[in-house]
PDB file of all heavy atoms in Angstrom:
ATOM      1  N   LEU A   1     -94.198 132.293-103.296  1.00  0.00           N
ATOM      2  CA  LEU A   1     -95.141 132.856-104.324  1.00  0.00           C
ATOM      3  C   LEU A   1     -96.643 132.667-103.966  1.00  0.00           C
ATOM      4  O   LEU A   1     -97.385 133.465-104.152  1.00  0.00           O
ATOM      5  CB  LEU A   1     -94.862 132.140-105.694  1.00  0.00           C
ATOM      6  CG  LEU A   1     -93.506 132.521-106.371  1.00  0.00           C
ATOM      7  CD1 LEU A   1     -93.364 131.706-107.689  1.00  0.00           C
ATOM      8  CD2 LEU A   1     -93.362 133.907-106.663  1.00  0.00           C
ATOM      9  N   VAL A   2     -96.958 131.505-103.278  1.00  0.00           N
ATOM     10  CA  VAL A   2     -98.236 131.277-102.844  1.00  0.00           C
ATOM     11  C   VAL A   2     -98.641 132.331-101.796  1.00  0.00           C
ATOM     12  O   VAL A   2     -99.706 133.009-101.806  1.00  0.00           O
ATOM     13  CB  VAL A   2     -98.424 129.865-102.244  1.00  0.00           C
ATOM     14  CG1 VAL A   2     -99.786 129.650-101.542  1.00  0.00           C
ATOM     15  CG2 VAL A   2     -98.202 128.824-103.224  1.00  0.00           C
ATOM     16  N   GLU A   3     -97.751 132.496-100.828  1.00  0.00           N
ATOM     17  CA  GLU A   3     -98.054 133.526 -99.733  1.00  0.00           C
ATOM     18  C   GLU A   3     -98.188 134.977-100.236  1.00  0.00           C
ATOM     19  O   GLU A   3     -99.080 135.736 -99.779  1.00  0.00           O
ATOM     20  CB  GLU A   3     -96.961 133.419 -98.745  1.00  0.00           C
ATOM     21  CG  GLU A   3     -97.037 132.119 -97.813  1.00  0.00           C
ATOM     22  CD  GLU A   3     -95.750 131.888 -97.097  1.00  0.00           C
ATOM     23  OE1 GLU A   3     -94.708 132.593 -97.304  1.00  0.00           O
ATOM     24  OE2 GLU A   3     -95.796 130.967 -96.201  1.00  0.00           O
ATOM     25  N   GLU A   4     -97.467 135.247-101.396  1.00  0.00           N
ATOM     26  CA  GLU A   4     -97.618 136.537-101.952  1.00  0.00           C
ATOM     27  C   GLU A   4     -98.900 136.699-102.745  1.00  0.00           C
ATOM     28  O   GLU A   4     -99.672 137.607-102.651  1.00  0.00           O
ATOM     29  CB  GLU A   4     -96.406 136.815-102.901  1.00  0.00           C
ATOM     30  CG  GLU A   4     -96.404 138.226-103.473  1.00  0.00           C
ATOM     31  CD  GLU A   4     -96.355 139.413-102.468  1.00  0.00           C
ATOM     32  OE1 GLU A   4     -95.717 139.179-101.366  1.00  0.00           O
ATOM     33  OE2 GLU A   4     -96.818 140.475-102.733  1.00  0.00           O
ATOM     34  N   ALA A   5     -99.168 135.596-103.523  1.00  0.00           N
ATOM     35  CA  ALA A   5    -100.405 135.578-104.378  1.00  0.00           C
ATOM     36  C   ALA A   5    -101.631 135.761-103.586  1.00  0.00           C
ATOM     37  O   ALA A   5    -102.631 136.447-104.059  1.00  0.00           O
ATOM     38  CB  ALA A   5    -100.455 134.344-105.160  1.00  0.00           C
ATOM     39  N   VAL A   6    -101.755 135.153-102.474  1.00  0.00           N
ATOM     40  CA  VAL A   6    -103.051 135.063-101.683  1.00  0.00           C
ATOM     41  C   VAL A   6    -103.351 136.467-101.037  1.00  0.00           C
ATOM     42  O   VAL A   6    -104.405 136.620-100.435  1.00  0.00           O
ATOM     43  CB  VAL A   6    -103.090 134.015-100.512  1.00  0.00           C
ATOM     44  CG1 VAL A   6    -102.945 132.622-101.276  1.00  0.00           C
ATOM     45  CG2 VAL A   6    -102.078 134.185 -99.475  1.00  0.00           C
ATOM     46  N   LYS A   7    -102.466 137.431-101.101  1.00  0.00           N
ATOM     47  CA  LYS A   7    -102.709 138.740-100.698  1.00  0.00           C
ATOM     48  C   LYS A   7    -103.783 139.442-101.586  1.00  0.00           C
ATOM     49  O   LYS A   7    -104.372 140.488-101.227  1.00  0.00           O
ATOM     50  CB  LYS A   7    -101.448 139.577-100.706  1.00  0.00           C
ATOM     51  CG  LYS A   7    -100.447 139.133 -99.570  1.00  0.00           C
ATOM     52  CD  LYS A   7     -99.152 140.016 -99.656  1.00  0.00           C
ATOM     53  CE  LYS A   7     -98.135 139.531 -98.673  1.00  0.00           C
ATOM     54  NZ  LYS A   7     -96.761 140.216 -98.766  1.00  0.00           N
ATOM     55  N   ASP A   8    -103.969 138.890-102.795  1.00  0.00           N
ATOM     56  CA  ASP A   8    -104.947 139.411-103.797  1.00  0.00           C
ATOM     57  C   ASP A   8    -106.332 138.805-103.448  1.00  0.00           C
ATOM     58  O   ASP A   8    -106.452 137.624-103.446  1.00  0.00           O
ATOM     59  CB  ASP A   8    -104.471 139.016-105.142  1.00  0.00           C
ATOM     60  CG  ASP A   8    -105.423 139.583-106.269  1.00  0.00           C
ATOM     61  OD1 ASP A   8    -106.479 140.046-105.856  1.00  0.00           O
ATOM     62  OD2 ASP A   8    -105.158 139.330-107.454  1.00  0.00           O
ATOM     63  N   PRO A   9    -107.318 139.556-103.131  1.00  0.00           N
ATOM     64  CA  PRO A   9    -108.616 138.997-102.776  1.00  0.00           C
ATOM     65  C   PRO A   9    -109.375 138.276-103.904  1.00  0.00           C
ATOM     66  O   PRO A   9    -110.252 137.519-103.618  1.00  0.00           O
ATOM     67  CB  PRO A   9    -109.384 140.222-102.323  1.00  0.00           C
ATOM     68  CG  PRO A   9    -108.880 141.449-102.903  1.00  0.00           C
ATOM     69  CD  PRO A   9    -107.237 141.031-102.946  1.00  0.00           C
ATOM     70  N   ALA A  10    -108.926 138.448-105.185  1.00  0.00           N
ATOM     71  CA  ALA A  10    -109.435 137.761-106.234  1.00  0.00           C
ATOM     72  C   ALA A  10    -108.947 136.311-106.384  1.00  0.00           C
ATOM     73  O   ALA A  10    -109.539 135.544-107.098  1.00  0.00           O
ATOM     74  CB  ALA A  10    -109.111 138.394-107.536  1.00  0.00           C
ATOM     75  N   VAL A  11    -107.828 136.071-105.592  1.00  0.00           N
ATOM     76  CA  VAL A  11    -107.372 134.618-105.521  1.00  0.00           C
ATOM     77  C   VAL A  11    -108.175 133.885-104.551  1.00  0.00           C
ATOM     78  O   VAL A  11    -108.103 134.030-103.405  1.00  0.00           O
ATOM     79  CB  VAL A  11    -105.803 134.644-105.192  1.00  0.00           C
ATOM     80  CG1 VAL A  11    -105.378 133.103-105.058  1.00  0.00           C
ATOM     81  CG2 VAL A  11    -105.016 135.365-106.202  1.00  0.00           C
ATOM     82  N   LYS A  12    -108.923 132.917-105.210  1.00  0.00           N
ATOM     83  CA  LYS A  12    -109.919 132.099-104.446  1.00  0.00           C
ATOM     84  C   LYS A  12    -109.413 130.689-103.958  1.00  0.00           C
ATOM     85  O   LYS A  12    -110.149 130.097-103.123  1.00  0.00           O
ATOM     86  CB  LYS A  12    -111.137 131.970-105.165  1.00  0.00           C
ATOM     87  CG  LYS A  12    -111.855 133.292-105.468  1.00  0.00           C
ATOM     88  CD  LYS A  12    -112.492 133.894-104.174  1.00  0.00           C
ATOM     89  CE  LYS A  12    -113.472 135.015-104.434  1.00  0.00           C
ATOM     90  NZ  LYS A  12    -114.109 135.519-103.212  1.00  0.00           N
ATOM     91  N   GLY A  13    -108.331 130.231-104.555  1.00  0.00           N
ATOM     92  CA  GLY A  13    -107.922 128.810-104.124  1.00  0.00           C
ATOM     93  C   GLY A  13    -106.797 128.422-104.799  1.00  0.00           C
ATOM     94  O   GLY A  13    -106.033 129.018-105.671  1.00  0.00           O
ATOM     95  N   ILE A  14    -106.484 127.131-104.530  1.00  0.00           N
ATOM     96  CA  ILE A  14    -105.218 126.504-105.125  1.00  0.00           C
ATOM     97  C   ILE A  14    -105.481 124.973-105.108  1.00  0.00           C
ATOM     98  O   ILE A  14    -106.140 124.448-104.313  1.00  0.00           O
ATOM     99  CB  ILE A  14    -103.964 126.734-104.251  1.00  0.00           C
ATOM    100  CG1 ILE A  14    -102.781 126.159-104.794  1.00  0.00           C
ATOM    101  CG2 ILE A  14    -104.201 126.250-102.788  1.00  0.00           C
ATOM    102  CD1 ILE A  14    -101.395 126.580-104.201  1.00  0.00           C
ATOM    103  N   TRP A  15    -104.988 124.350-106.213  1.00  0.00           N
ATOM    104  CA  TRP A  15    -105.010 122.970-106.378  1.00  0.00           C
ATOM    105  C   TRP A  15    -103.724 122.244-105.730  1.00  0.00           C
ATOM    106  O   TRP A  15    -102.641 122.894-105.805  1.00  0.00           O
ATOM    107  CB  TRP A  15    -104.988 122.445-107.858  1.00  0.00           C
ATOM    108  CG  TRP A  15    -106.245 122.794-108.634  1.00  0.00           C
ATOM    109  CD1 TRP A  15    -106.490 123.680-109.597  1.00  0.00           C
ATOM    110  CD2 TRP A  15    -107.571 122.143-108.447  1.00  0.00           C
ATOM    111  NE1 TRP A  15    -107.736 123.662-110.150  1.00  0.00           N
ATOM    112  CE2 TRP A  15    -108.396 122.674-109.400  1.00  0.00           C
ATOM    113  CE3 TRP A  15    -108.040 121.283-107.512  1.00  0.00           C
ATOM    114  CZ2 TRP A  15    -109.787 122.415-109.467  1.00  0.00           C
ATOM    115  CZ3 TRP A  15    -109.335 120.917-107.590  1.00  0.00           C
ATOM    116  CH2 TRP A  15    -110.194 121.374-108.543  1.00  0.00           C
ATOM    117  N   CYS A  16    -103.982 121.224-105.002  1.00  0.00           N
ATOM    118  CA  CYS A  16    -102.853 120.501-104.443  1.00  0.00           C
ATOM    119  C   CYS A  16    -102.949 118.908-104.587  1.00  0.00           C
ATOM    120  O   CYS A  16    -103.998 118.488-104.248  1.00  0.00           O
ATOM    121  CB  CYS A  16    -102.674 120.831-102.895  1.00  0.00           C
ATOM    122  SG  CYS A  16    -102.203 122.576-102.559  1.00  0.00           S
ATOM    123  N   VAL A  17    -101.896 118.292-104.878  1.00  0.00           N
ATOM    124  CA  VAL A  17    -101.695 116.880-104.711  1.00  0.00           C
ATOM    125  C   VAL A  17    -100.573 116.624-103.799  1.00  0.00           C
ATOM    126  O   VAL A  17     -99.497 116.662-104.316  1.00  0.00           O
ATOM    127  CB  VAL A  17    -101.578 116.134-106.072  1.00  0.00           C
ATOM    128  CG1 VAL A  17    -101.500 114.629-105.896  1.00  0.00           C
ATOM    129  CG2 VAL A  17    -102.632 116.572-107.079  1.00  0.00           C
ATOM    130  N   PRO A  18    -100.798 116.529-102.493  1.00  0.00           N
ATOM    131  CA  PRO A  18     -99.770 116.701-101.523  1.00  0.00           C
ATOM    132  C   PRO A  18     -98.798 115.511-101.341  1.00  0.00           C
ATOM    133  O   PRO A  18     -97.719 115.730-100.834  1.00  0.00           O
ATOM    134  CB  PRO A  18    -100.552 117.046-100.173  1.00  0.00           C
ATOM    135  CG  PRO A  18    -101.807 116.279-100.492  1.00  0.00           C
ATOM    136  CD  PRO A  18    -102.171 116.448-101.866  1.00  0.00           C
ATOM    137  N   LYS A  19     -99.275 114.354-101.775  1.00  0.00           N
ATOM    138  CA  LYS A  19     -98.531 113.165-101.571  1.00  0.00           C
ATOM    139  C   LYS A  19     -98.198 112.492-102.914  1.00  0.00           C
ATOM    140  O   LYS A  19     -99.229 112.067-103.519  1.00  0.00           O
ATOM    141  CB  LYS A  19     -98.969 112.261-100.548  1.00  0.00           C
ATOM    142  CG  LYS A  19     -98.114 111.065-100.218  1.00  0.00           C
ATOM    143  CD  LYS A  19     -98.721 110.152 -99.094  1.00  0.00           C
ATOM    144  CE  LYS A  19     -97.744 109.028 -98.782  1.00  0.00           C
ATOM    145  NZ  LYS A  19     -98.293 108.111 -97.720  1.00  0.00           N
ATOM    146  N   TYR A  20     -96.957 112.388-103.327  1.00  0.00           N
ATOM    147  CA  TYR A  20     -96.736 111.740-104.614  1.00  0.00           C
ATOM    148  C   TYR A  20     -97.430 112.576-105.657  1.00  0.00           C
ATOM    149  O   TYR A  20     -98.277 112.050-106.478  1.00  0.00           O
ATOM    150  CB  TYR A  20     -97.064 110.295-104.699  1.00  0.00           C
ATOM    151  CG  TYR A  20     -96.425 109.432-103.694  1.00  0.00           C
ATOM    152  CD1 TYR A  20     -97.069 108.599-102.806  1.00  0.00           C
ATOM    153  CD2 TYR A  20     -94.953 109.571-103.480  1.00  0.00           C
ATOM    154  CE1 TYR A  20     -96.419 107.912-101.825  1.00  0.00           C
ATOM    155  CE2 TYR A  20     -94.315 108.812-102.584  1.00  0.00           C
ATOM    156  CZ  TYR A  20     -95.068 107.946-101.761  1.00  0.00           C
ATOM    157  OH  TYR A  20     -94.432 107.190-100.725  1.00  0.00           O
ATOM    158  N   SER A  21     -97.144 113.877-105.798  1.00  0.00           N
ATOM    159  CA  SER A  21     -97.883 114.776-106.664  1.00  0.00           C
ATOM    160  C   SER A  21     -97.834 114.319-108.074  1.00  0.00           C
ATOM    161  O   SER A  21     -96.912 113.653-108.463  1.00  0.00           O
ATOM    162  CB  SER A  21     -97.182 116.171-106.591  1.00  0.00           C
ATOM    163  OG  SER A  21     -95.853 116.145-107.123  1.00  0.00           O
ATOM    164  N   ASN A  22     -98.903 114.651-108.760  1.00  0.00           N
ATOM    165  CA  ASN A  22     -99.034 114.276-110.163  1.00  0.00           C
ATOM    166  C   ASN A  22     -98.600 115.580-111.068  1.00  0.00           C
ATOM    167  O   ASN A  22     -99.127 116.658-110.856  1.00  0.00           O
ATOM    168  CB  ASN A  22    -100.605 114.124-110.397  1.00  0.00           C
ATOM    169  CG  ASN A  22    -100.986 113.758-111.938  1.00  0.00           C
ATOM    170  OD1 ASN A  22    -100.090 113.941-112.830  1.00  0.00           O
ATOM    171  ND2 ASN A  22    -102.112 113.466-112.118  1.00  0.00           N
ATOM    172  N   PRO A  23     -97.490 115.432-111.862  1.00  0.00           N
ATOM    173  CA  PRO A  23     -96.773 114.142-112.149  1.00  0.00           C
ATOM    174  C   PRO A  23     -95.390 113.872-111.407  1.00  0.00           C
ATOM    175  O   PRO A  23     -94.755 112.911-111.492  1.00  0.00           O
ATOM    176  CB  PRO A  23     -96.539 114.296-113.618  1.00  0.00           C
ATOM    177  CG  PRO A  23     -96.189 115.866-113.768  1.00  0.00           C
ATOM    178  CD  PRO A  23     -97.099 116.529-112.708  1.00  0.00           C
ATOM    179  N   ASP A  24     -94.917 114.946-110.631  1.00  0.00           N
ATOM    180  CA  ASP A  24     -93.614 114.898-110.144  1.00  0.00           C
ATOM    181  C   ASP A  24     -93.269 113.776-109.096  1.00  0.00           C
ATOM    182  O   ASP A  24     -92.186 113.439-108.778  1.00  0.00           O
ATOM    183  CB  ASP A  24     -93.164 116.244-109.661  1.00  0.00           C
ATOM    184  CG  ASP A  24     -92.705 117.194-110.768  1.00  0.00           C
ATOM    185  OD1 ASP A  24     -92.643 116.720-111.880  1.00  0.00           O
ATOM    186  OD2 ASP A  24     -92.640 118.400-110.465  1.00  0.00           O
ATOM    187  N   GLY A  25     -94.386 113.367-108.417  1.00  0.00           N
ATOM    188  CA  GLY A  25     -94.132 112.462-107.302  1.00  0.00           C
ATOM    189  C   GLY A  25     -93.552 113.019-106.100  1.00  0.00           C
ATOM    190  O   GLY A  25     -93.006 112.300-105.255  1.00  0.00           O
ATOM    191  N   VAL A  26     -93.708 114.346-105.916  1.00  0.00           N
ATOM    192  CA  VAL A  26     -93.221 115.089-104.723  1.00  0.00           C
ATOM    193  C   VAL A  26     -94.187 114.792-103.543  1.00  0.00           C
ATOM    194  O   VAL A  26     -95.383 114.797-103.642  1.00  0.00           O
ATOM    195  CB  VAL A  26     -93.102 116.585-105.079  1.00  0.00           C
ATOM    196  CG1 VAL A  26     -92.787 117.327-103.810  1.00  0.00           C
ATOM    197  CG2 VAL A  26     -92.033 116.770-106.118  1.00  0.00           C
ATOM    198  N   ILE A  27     -93.573 114.631-102.379  1.00  0.00           N
ATOM    199  CA  ILE A  27     -94.236 114.647-101.124  1.00  0.00           C
ATOM    200  C   ILE A  27     -94.008 116.124-100.368  1.00  0.00           C
ATOM    201  O   ILE A  27     -92.895 116.367-100.155  1.00  0.00           O
ATOM    202  CB  ILE A  27     -93.791 113.520-100.143  1.00  0.00           C
ATOM    203  CG1 ILE A  27     -93.987 112.138-100.752  1.00  0.00           C
ATOM    204  CG2 ILE A  27     -94.503 113.653 -98.787  1.00  0.00           C
ATOM    205  CD1 ILE A  27     -93.426 111.010 -99.846  1.00  0.00           C
ATOM    206  N   TYR A  28     -95.114 116.710-100.237  1.00  0.00           N
ATOM    207  CA  TYR A  28     -94.996 118.004 -99.703  1.00  0.00           C
ATOM    208  C   TYR A  28     -94.250 117.870 -98.271  1.00  0.00           C
ATOM    209  O   TYR A  28     -94.559 117.011 -97.486  1.00  0.00           O
ATOM    210  CB  TYR A  28     -96.323 118.688 -99.350  1.00  0.00           C
ATOM    211  CG  TYR A  28     -97.069 119.150-100.587  1.00  0.00           C
ATOM    212  CD1 TYR A  28     -96.707 118.790-101.831  1.00  0.00           C
ATOM    213  CD2 TYR A  28     -98.210 119.956-100.492  1.00  0.00           C
ATOM    214  CE1 TYR A  28     -97.487 119.163-103.093  1.00  0.00           C
ATOM    215  CE2 TYR A  28     -98.932 120.420-101.559  1.00  0.00           C
ATOM    216  CZ  TYR A  28     -98.599 120.020-102.798  1.00  0.00           C
ATOM    217  OH  TYR A  28     -99.267 120.509-103.877  1.00  0.00           O
ATOM    218  N   SER A  29     -93.360 118.845 -98.046  1.00  0.00           N
ATOM    219  CA  SER A  29     -92.543 118.726 -96.777  1.00  0.00           C
ATOM    220  C   SER A  29     -93.501 119.257 -95.630  1.00  0.00           C
ATOM    221  O   SER A  29     -94.532 119.857 -95.771  1.00  0.00           O
ATOM    222  CB  SER A  29     -91.417 119.568 -96.862  1.00  0.00           C
ATOM    223  OG  SER A  29     -91.691 121.034 -96.998  1.00  0.00           O
ATOM    224  N   GLU A  30     -93.054 118.991 -94.490  1.00  0.00           N
ATOM    225  CA  GLU A  30     -93.837 119.420 -93.234  1.00  0.00           C
ATOM    226  C   GLU A  30     -93.895 120.953 -93.184  1.00  0.00           C
ATOM    227  O   GLU A  30     -94.961 121.445 -92.763  1.00  0.00           O
ATOM    228  CB  GLU A  30     -93.175 118.859 -91.912  1.00  0.00           C
ATOM    229  CG  GLU A  30     -93.405 117.336 -91.792  1.00  0.00           C
ATOM    230  CD  GLU A  30     -92.995 116.879 -90.420  1.00  0.00           C
ATOM    231  OE1 GLU A  30     -92.803 117.739 -89.536  1.00  0.00           O
ATOM    232  OE2 GLU A  30     -92.805 115.598 -90.294  1.00  0.00           O
ATOM    233  N   ASP A  31     -92.731 121.610 -93.495  1.00  0.00           N
ATOM    234  CA  ASP A  31     -92.723 123.040 -93.510  1.00  0.00           C
ATOM    235  C   ASP A  31     -93.764 123.525 -94.630  1.00  0.00           C
ATOM    236  O   ASP A  31     -94.566 124.578 -94.273  1.00  0.00           O
ATOM    237  CB  ASP A  31     -91.327 123.496 -93.891  1.00  0.00           C
ATOM    238  CG  ASP A  31     -91.332 125.031 -93.941  1.00  0.00           C
ATOM    239  OD1 ASP A  31     -91.552 125.766 -92.961  1.00  0.00           O
ATOM    240  OD2 ASP A  31     -91.193 125.630 -95.099  1.00  0.00           O
ATOM    241  N   THR A  32     -93.828 122.920 -95.690  1.00  0.00           N
ATOM    242  CA  THR A  32     -94.797 123.366 -96.726  1.00  0.00           C
ATOM    243  C   THR A  32     -96.217 123.269 -96.288  1.00  0.00           C
ATOM    244  O   THR A  32     -97.045 124.140 -96.424  1.00  0.00           O
ATOM    245  CB  THR A  32     -94.601 122.692 -98.092  1.00  0.00           C
ATOM    246  OG1 THR A  32     -93.317 122.959 -98.639  1.00  0.00           O
ATOM    247  CG2 THR A  32     -95.700 122.824 -99.138  1.00  0.00           C
ATOM    248  N   ILE A  33     -96.525 122.079 -95.723  1.00  0.00           N
ATOM    249  CA  ILE A  33     -97.885 121.877 -95.181  1.00  0.00           C
ATOM    250  C   ILE A  33     -98.270 122.889 -94.085  1.00  0.00           C
ATOM    251  O   ILE A  33     -99.339 123.270 -93.972  1.00  0.00           O
ATOM    252  CB  ILE A  33     -97.999 120.360 -94.677  1.00  0.00           C
ATOM    253  CG1 ILE A  33     -97.824 119.427 -95.861  1.00  0.00           C
ATOM    254  CG2 ILE A  33     -99.300 120.145 -94.024  1.00  0.00           C
ATOM    255  CD1 ILE A  33     -97.627 118.025 -95.461  1.00  0.00           C
ATOM    256  N   GLN A  34     -97.212 122.958 -93.180  1.00  0.00           N
ATOM    257  CA  GLN A  34     -97.564 124.089 -92.134  1.00  0.00           C
ATOM    258  C   GLN A  34     -97.858 125.530 -92.763  1.00  0.00           C
ATOM    259  O   GLN A  34     -98.677 126.220 -92.248  1.00  0.00           O
ATOM    260  CB  GLN A  34     -96.336 124.137 -91.167  1.00  0.00           C
ATOM    261  CG  GLN A  34     -96.298 122.995 -90.198  1.00  0.00           C
ATOM    262  CD  GLN A  34     -97.305 122.954 -89.079  1.00  0.00           C
ATOM    263  OE1 GLN A  34     -98.160 123.939 -88.931  1.00  0.00           O
ATOM    264  NE2 GLN A  34     -97.396 121.924 -88.343  1.00  0.00           N
ATOM    265  N   ARG A  35     -97.054 125.796 -93.692  1.00  0.00           N
ATOM    266  CA  ARG A  35     -97.339 127.080 -94.298  1.00  0.00           C
ATOM    267  C   ARG A  35     -98.660 127.253 -95.069  1.00  0.00           C
ATOM    268  O   ARG A  35     -99.252 128.313 -95.056  1.00  0.00           O
ATOM    269  CB  ARG A  35     -96.180 127.416 -95.344  1.00  0.00           C
ATOM    270  CG  ARG A  35     -94.829 127.686 -94.643  1.00  0.00           C
ATOM    271  CD  ARG A  35     -93.664 127.852 -95.585  1.00  0.00           C
ATOM    272  NE  ARG A  35     -93.626 129.069 -96.223  1.00  0.00           N
ATOM    273  CZ  ARG A  35     -92.695 129.514 -97.178  1.00  0.00           C
ATOM    274  NH1 ARG A  35     -91.674 128.757 -97.234  1.00  0.00           N
ATOM    275  NH2 ARG A  35     -92.733 130.693 -97.711  1.00  0.00           N
ATOM    276  N   PHE A  36     -99.119 126.107 -95.564  1.00  0.00           N
ATOM    277  CA  PHE A  36    -100.447 126.033 -96.147  1.00  0.00           C
ATOM    278  C   PHE A  36    -101.499 126.314 -95.057  1.00  0.00           C
ATOM    279  O   PHE A  36    -102.446 127.062 -95.196  1.00  0.00           O
ATOM    280  CB  PHE A  36    -100.694 124.762 -96.843  1.00  0.00           C
ATOM    281  CG  PHE A  36    -100.425 124.684 -98.341  1.00  0.00           C
ATOM    282  CD1 PHE A  36     -99.476 123.974 -98.785  1.00  0.00           C
ATOM    283  CD2 PHE A  36    -101.259 125.555 -99.173  1.00  0.00           C
ATOM    284  CE1 PHE A  36     -99.174 123.972-100.184  1.00  0.00           C
ATOM    285  CE2 PHE A  36    -100.945 125.582-100.532  1.00  0.00           C
ATOM    286  CZ  PHE A  36    -100.009 124.804-101.053  1.00  0.00           C
ATOM    287  N   ALA A  37    -101.317 125.583 -93.978  1.00  0.00           N
ATOM    288  CA  ALA A  37    -102.303 125.726 -92.763  1.00  0.00           C
ATOM    289  C   ALA A  37    -102.339 127.145 -92.248  1.00  0.00           C
ATOM    290  O   ALA A  37    -103.322 127.616 -91.795  1.00  0.00           O
ATOM    291  CB  ALA A  37    -101.925 124.704 -91.741  1.00  0.00           C
ATOM    292  N   ASN A  38    -101.175 127.797 -92.387  1.00  0.00           N
ATOM    293  CA  ASN A  38    -101.066 129.172 -91.776  1.00  0.00           C
ATOM    294  C   ASN A  38    -101.313 130.274 -92.750  1.00  0.00           C
ATOM    295  O   ASN A  38    -101.021 131.520 -92.526  1.00  0.00           O
ATOM    296  CB  ASN A  38     -99.766 129.230 -91.130  1.00  0.00           C
ATOM    297  CG  ASN A  38     -99.756 128.595 -89.839  1.00  0.00           C
ATOM    298  OD1 ASN A  38    -100.183 129.010 -88.723  1.00  0.00           O
ATOM    299  ND2 ASN A  38     -99.084 127.452 -89.715  1.00  0.00           N
ATOM    300  N   LEU A  39    -101.696 129.940 -93.949  1.00  0.00           N
ATOM    301  CA  LEU A  39    -101.975 130.999 -95.020  1.00  0.00           C
ATOM    302  C   LEU A  39    -102.936 132.029 -94.515  1.00  0.00           C
ATOM    303  O   LEU A  39    -104.032 131.687 -93.970  1.00  0.00           O
ATOM    304  CB  LEU A  39    -102.484 130.448 -96.260  1.00  0.00           C
ATOM    305  CG  LEU A  39    -101.475 129.759 -97.349  1.00  0.00           C
ATOM    306  CD1 LEU A  39    -102.129 129.133 -98.405  1.00  0.00           C
ATOM    307  CD2 LEU A  39    -100.413 130.759 -97.769  1.00  0.00           C
ATOM    308  N   ASN A  40    -102.633 133.244 -94.673  1.00  0.00           N
ATOM    309  CA  ASN A  40    -103.524 134.357 -94.291  1.00  0.00           C
ATOM    310  C   ASN A  40    -103.926 135.044 -95.657  1.00  0.00           C
ATOM    311  O   ASN A  40    -103.361 135.931 -96.099  1.00  0.00           O
ATOM    312  CB  ASN A  40    -102.801 135.429 -93.426  1.00  0.00           C
ATOM    313  CG  ASN A  40    -102.550 134.957 -92.057  1.00  0.00           C
ATOM    314  OD1 ASN A  40    -103.534 134.356 -91.458  1.00  0.00           O
ATOM    315  ND2 ASN A  40    -101.332 134.954 -91.561  1.00  0.00           N
ATOM    316  N   ALA A  41    -104.967 134.453 -96.188  1.00  0.00           N
ATOM    317  CA  ALA A  41    -105.501 134.919 -97.431  1.00  0.00           C
ATOM    318  C   ALA A  41    -106.467 136.146 -97.386  1.00  0.00           C
ATOM    319  O   ALA A  41    -107.160 136.209 -96.388  1.00  0.00           O
ATOM    320  CB  ALA A  41    -106.214 133.757 -98.226  1.00  0.00           C
TER     321      ALA A  41
END
């Protein structure tokens, strides 16, 4: 959904809590982090 959403030029950013996310306590996976780094917005 993120990769699809950033195709819209009006989408300017995203909030992230990548380690022990608030509130779920999720640690972003390596694949997720790589996909963030490779976003083509």
